[in-house]
C-alpha atoms as a PDB file:
ATOM      1  CA  UNK A   1     140.859  97.682  92.501  1.00  0.00           C
ATOM      2  CA  UNK A   2     141.979 101.108  91.312  1.00  0.00           C
ATOM      3  CA  UNK A   3     145.659 100.154  91.931  1.00  0.00           C
ATOM      4  CA  UNK A   4     145.217  97.034  89.760  1.00  0.00           C
ATOM      5  CA  UNK A   5     143.734  99.113  86.873  1.00  0.00           C
ATOM      6  CA  UNK A   6     146.535 101.771  87.059  1.00  0.00           C
ATOM      7  CA  UNK A   7     149.158  98.974  87.174  1.00  0.00           C
ATOM      8  CA  UNK A   8     147.649  97.253  84.120  1.00  0.00           C
ATOM      9  CA  UNK A   9     147.548 100.670  82.246  1.00  0.00           C
ATOM     10  CA  UNK A  10     151.079 101.194  83.208  1.00  0.00           C
ATOM     11  CA  UNK A  11     152.157  97.835  82.036  1.00  0.00           C
ATOM     12  CA  UNK A  12     150.559  98.289  78.695  1.00  0.00           C
ATOM     13  CA  UNK A  13     152.044 101.608  78.133  1.00  0.00           C
ATOM     14  CA  UNK A  14     155.515 100.315  78.992  1.00  0.00           C
ATOM     15  CA  UNK A  15     155.155  97.379  76.753  1.00  0.00           C
ATOM     16  CA  UNK A  16     153.792  99.411  73.885  1.00  0.00           C
ATOM     17  CA  UNK A  17     157.184 101.312  73.842  1.00  0.00           C
ATOM     18  CA  UNK A  18     158.927  97.932  73.265  1.00  0.00           C
ATOM     19  CA  UNK A  19     157.318  97.323  69.861  1.00  0.00           C
ATOM     20  CA  UNK A  20     159.198  98.150  66.669  1.00  0.00           C
ATOM     21  CA  UNK A  21     158.347 101.312  64.766  1.00  0.00           C
ATOM     22  CA  UNK A  22     159.256 102.244  61.148  1.00  0.00           C
ATOM     23  CA  UNK A  23     158.003 101.595  57.633  1.00  0.00           C
ATOM     24  CA  UNK A  24     156.066  98.392  57.165  1.00  0.00           C
ATOM     25  CA  UNK A  25     157.492  95.556  55.009  1.00  0.00           C
ATOM     26  CA  UNK A  26     154.437  96.010  52.695  1.00  0.00           C
ATOM     27  CA  UNK A  27     155.572  99.601  52.031  1.00  0.00           C
ATOM     28  CA  UNK A  28     159.305  98.800  51.459  1.00  0.00           C
ATOM     29  CA  UNK A  29     159.049  95.578  49.519  1.00  0.00           C
ATOM     30  CA  UNK A  30     159.066  97.237  46.123  1.00  0.00           C
ATOM     31  CA  UNK A  31     162.069  99.408  46.908  1.00  0.00           C
ATOM     32  CA  UNK A  32     164.177  96.596  48.543  1.00  0.00           C
ATOM     33  CA  UNK A  33     167.379  96.328  46.494  1.00  0.00           C
ATOM     34  CA  UNK A  34     167.900  93.260  44.183  1.00  0.00           C
ATOM     35  CA  UNK A  35     170.453  90.785  45.413  1.00  0.00           C
ATOM     36  CA  UNK A  36     173.942  90.683  43.911  1.00  0.00           C
ATOM     37  CA  UNK A  37     174.705  87.613  41.773  1.00  0.00           C
ATOM     38  CA  UNK A  38     177.068  86.031  44.331  1.00  0.00           C
ATOM     39  CA  UNK A  39     174.871  86.687  47.460  1.00  0.00           C
ATOM     40  CA  UNK A  40     171.857  85.351  49.313  1.00  0.00           C
ATOM     41  CA  UNK A  41     169.523  87.170  51.641  1.00  0.00           C
ATOM     42  CA  UNK A  42     168.499  86.288  55.209  1.00  0.00           C
ATOM     43  CA  UNK A  43     165.455  87.930  56.753  1.00  0.00           C
ATOM     44  CA  UNK A  44     165.231  88.036  60.510  1.00  0.00           C
ATOM     45  CA  UNK A  45     161.739  88.772  61.979  1.00  0.00           C
ATOM     46  CA  UNK A  46     159.741  88.638  65.170  1.00  0.00           C
ATOM     47  CA  UNK A  47     155.840  88.717  65.566  1.00  0.00           C
ATOM     48  CA  UNK A  48     154.266  91.639  67.306  1.00  0.00           C
ATOM     49  CA  UNK A  49     153.178  89.398  70.274  1.00  0.00           C
ATOM     50  CA  UNK A  50     153.584  91.178  73.705  1.00  0.00           C
ATOM     51  CA  UNK A  51     154.757  87.886  75.243  1.00  0.00           C
ATOM     52  CA  UNK A  52     158.384  88.502  76.083  1.00  0.00           C
ATOM     53  CA  UNK A  53     158.135  92.050  74.597  1.00  0.00           C
ATOM     54  CA  UNK A  54     160.855  93.453  76.991  1.00  0.00           C
ATOM     55  CA  UNK A  55     163.358  90.843  75.860  1.00  0.00           C
ATOM     56  CA  UNK A  56     165.211  92.344  72.880  1.00  0.00           C
ATOM     57  CA  UNK A  57     168.697  90.914  72.584  1.00  0.00           C
ATOM     58  CA  UNK A  58     171.088  91.668  69.660  1.00  0.00           C
ATOM     59  CA  UNK A  59     171.058  89.208  66.872  1.00  0.00           C
ATOM     60  CA  UNK A  60     174.447  88.083  65.659  1.00  0.00           C
ATOM     61  CA  UNK A  61     175.277  86.744  62.252  1.00  0.00           C
ATOM     62  CA  UNK A  62     178.534  84.959  61.733  1.00  0.00           C
ATOM     63  CA  UNK A  63     179.761  86.616  65.025  1.00  0.00           C
ATOM     64  CA  UNK A  64     178.791  90.136  64.045  1.00  0.00           C
ATOM     65  CA  UNK A  65     175.849  92.035  65.466  1.00  0.00           C
ATOM     66  CA  UNK A  66     173.373  92.825  62.746  1.00  0.00           C
ATOM     67  CA  UNK A  67     170.131  93.950  64.534  1.00  0.00           C
ATOM     68  CA  UNK A  68     167.869  93.341  67.467  1.00  0.00           C
ATOM     69  CA  UNK A  69     165.011  90.988  68.068  1.00  0.00           C
ATOM     70  CA  UNK A  70     162.153  93.534  68.382  1.00  0.00           C
ATOM     71  CA  UNK A  71     158.470  92.592  68.551  1.00  0.00           C
ATOM     72  CA  UNK A  72     156.840  93.508  65.328  1.00  0.00           C
ATOM     73  CA  UNK A  73     160.140  94.183  63.551  1.00  0.00           C
ATOM     74  CA  UNK A  74     162.261  92.724  60.713  1.00  0.00           C
ATOM     75  CA  UNK A  75     165.581  93.337  59.039  1.00  0.00           C
ATOM     76  CA  UNK A  76     167.650  91.492  56.411  1.00  0.00           C
ATOM     77  CA  UNK A  77     171.232  90.630  55.704  1.00  0.00           C
ATOM     78  CA  UNK A  78     172.728  90.161  52.287  1.00  0.00           C
ATOM     79  CA  UNK A  79     175.696  87.891  52.347  1.00  0.00           C
ATOM     80  CA  UNK A  80     177.904  85.458  50.428  1.00  0.00           C
ATOM     81  CA  UNK A  81     176.757  81.940  49.858  1.00  0.00           C
ATOM     82  CA  UNK A  82     177.955  79.234  52.263  1.00  0.00           C
ATOM     83  CA  UNK A  83     177.455  78.043  55.882  1.00  0.00           C
ATOM     84  CA  UNK A  84     176.248  80.677  58.391  1.00  0.00           C
ATOM     85  CA  UNK A  85     175.404  81.030  62.071  1.00  0.00           C
ATOM     86  CA  UNK A  86     172.770  83.199  63.656  1.00  0.00           C
ATOM     87  CA  UNK A  87     172.415  83.603  67.374  1.00  0.00           C
ATOM     88  CA  UNK A  88     170.642  85.557  70.174  1.00  0.00           C
ATOM     89  CA  UNK A  89     171.863  85.845  73.818  1.00  0.00           C
ATOM     90  CA  UNK A  90     170.272  86.547  77.105  1.00  0.00           C
ATOM     91  CA  UNK A  91     171.299  84.430  80.053  1.00  0.00           C
ATOM     92  CA  UNK A  92     171.845  81.609  77.483  1.00  0.00           C
ATOM     93  CA  UNK A  93     172.897  81.795  73.828  1.00  0.00           C
ATOM     94  CA  UNK A  94     170.670  80.113  71.154  1.00  0.00           C
ATOM     95  CA  UNK A  95     172.258  79.390  67.894  1.00  0.00           C
ATOM     96  CA  UNK A  96     171.032  78.411  64.374  1.00  0.00           C
ATOM     97  CA  UNK A  97     173.394  77.198  61.587  1.00  0.00           C
ATOM     98  CA  UNK A  98     172.376  76.893  58.000  1.00  0.00           C
ATOM     99  CA  UNK A  99     173.691  76.909  54.421  1.00  0.00           C
ATOM    100  CA  UNK A 100     172.747  79.761  52.059  1.00  0.00           C
ATOM    101  CA  UNK A 101     173.040  79.347  48.357  1.00  0.00           C
ATOM    102  CA  UNK A 102     173.673  82.123  45.804  1.00  0.00           C
ATOM    103  CA  UNK A 103     170.368  83.807  44.956  1.00  0.00           C
ATOM    104  CA  UNK A 104     168.533  82.155  47.858  1.00  0.00           C
ATOM    105  CA  UNK A 105     166.410  83.851  50.476  1.00  0.00           C
ATOM    106  CA  UNK A 106     166.022  82.270  53.977  1.00  0.00           C
ATOM    107  CA  UNK A 107     163.779  83.427  56.790  1.00  0.00           C
ATOM    108  CA  UNK A 108     164.712  83.334  60.398  1.00  0.00           C
ATOM    109  CA  UNK A 109     161.986  83.865  63.019  1.00  0.00           C
ATOM    110  CA  UNK A 110     163.076  84.947  66.421  1.00  0.00           C
ATOM    111  CA  UNK A 111     160.748  83.909  69.229  1.00  0.00           C
ATOM    112  CA  UNK A 112     160.706  84.415  72.981  1.00  0.00           C
ATOM    113  CA  UNK A 113     160.757  81.443  75.333  1.00  0.00           C
ATOM    114  CA  UNK A 114     160.665  81.140  79.089  1.00  0.00           C
ATOM    115  CA  UNK A 115     164.017  80.609  80.678  1.00  0.00           C
ATOM    116  CA  UNK A 116     165.221  79.852  84.088  1.00  0.00           C
ATOM    117  CA  UNK A 117     166.203  83.496  85.168  1.00  0.00           C
ATOM    118  CA  UNK A 118     165.148  85.349  82.080  1.00  0.00           C
ATOM    119  CA  UNK A 119     163.473  84.835  78.780  1.00  0.00           C
ATOM    120  CA  UNK A 120     165.382  83.628  75.763  1.00  0.00           C
ATOM    121  CA  UNK A 121     165.081  84.455  72.081  1.00  0.00           C
ATOM    122  CA  UNK A 122     165.302  81.460  69.871  1.00  0.00           C
ATOM    123  CA  UNK A 123     166.197  81.767  66.140  1.00  0.00           C
ATOM    124  CA  UNK A 124     164.630  79.199  63.797  1.00  0.00           C
ATOM    125  CA  UNK A 125     164.356  78.788  60.070  1.00  0.00           C
ATOM    126  CA  UNK A 126     160.830  79.000  58.697  1.00  0.00           C
ATOM    127  CA  UNK A 127     159.402  78.430  55.270  1.00  0.00           C
ATOM    128  CA  UNK A 128     158.909  81.292  52.829  1.00  0.00           C
ATOM    129  CA  UNK A 129     155.198  80.778  52.954  1.00  0.00           C
ATOM    130  CA  UNK A 130     155.089  81.078  56.703  1.00  0.00           C
ATOM    131  CA  UNK A 131     157.322  84.202  56.723  1.00  0.00           C
ATOM    132  CA  UNK A 132     155.414  85.981  53.853  1.00  0.00           C
ATOM    133  CA  UNK A 133     152.229  85.666  56.021  1.00  0.00           C
ATOM    134  CA  UNK A 134     153.985  87.497  58.958  1.00  0.00           C
ATOM    135  CA  UNK A 135     156.239  90.005  57.195  1.00  0.00           C
ATOM    136  CA  UNK A 136     153.676  92.512  55.682  1.00  0.00           C
ATOM    137  CA  UNK A 137     152.631  93.987  58.957  1.00  0.00           C
ATOM    138  CA  UNK A 138     156.136  94.091  60.451  1.00  0.00           C
ATOM    139  CA  UNK A 139     158.214  97.285  60.746  1.00  0.00           C
ATOM    140  CA  UNK A 140     161.749  97.635  59.262  1.00  0.00           C
ATOM    141  CA  UNK A 141     164.293  97.912  62.078  1.00  0.00           C
ATOM    142  CA  UNK A 142     167.473  97.574  60.074  1.00  0.00           C
ATOM    143  CA  UNK A 143     169.988 100.213  58.877  1.00  0.00           C
ATOM    144  CA  UNK A 144     169.066 102.407  55.887  1.00  0.00           C
ATOM    145  CA  UNK A 145     170.328 100.617  52.711  1.00  0.00           C
END
């Protein structure tokens, strides 16, 4: 029984280290730079659920790595209007394509799902209302702007 308790404590400690750290969205929202006239913004975020916490693949946007899918984290990308592709890869690659207009903000939630050999991270577009409920408690994991 003691071994089970120690194993559980060890697992919790290990998974806690997987969560994002940094300033919260609610703290940074006011200082987030305004969009340039010819650009749109894409927020990428992941809830702080411990399910699949160890799975933290890179997120690619139009073929370029822009961040990681970290539990409890978010980041954003400002980009030109047009058609775009976001993806995350583990043993399989999951892709999302969408069109972004000038001045528009889109929200991409990355969520873990069970896979055959390893978990997968699946990007999906969500409504602004849904994203705005999740974002305030998430930590910024992007590069300093």
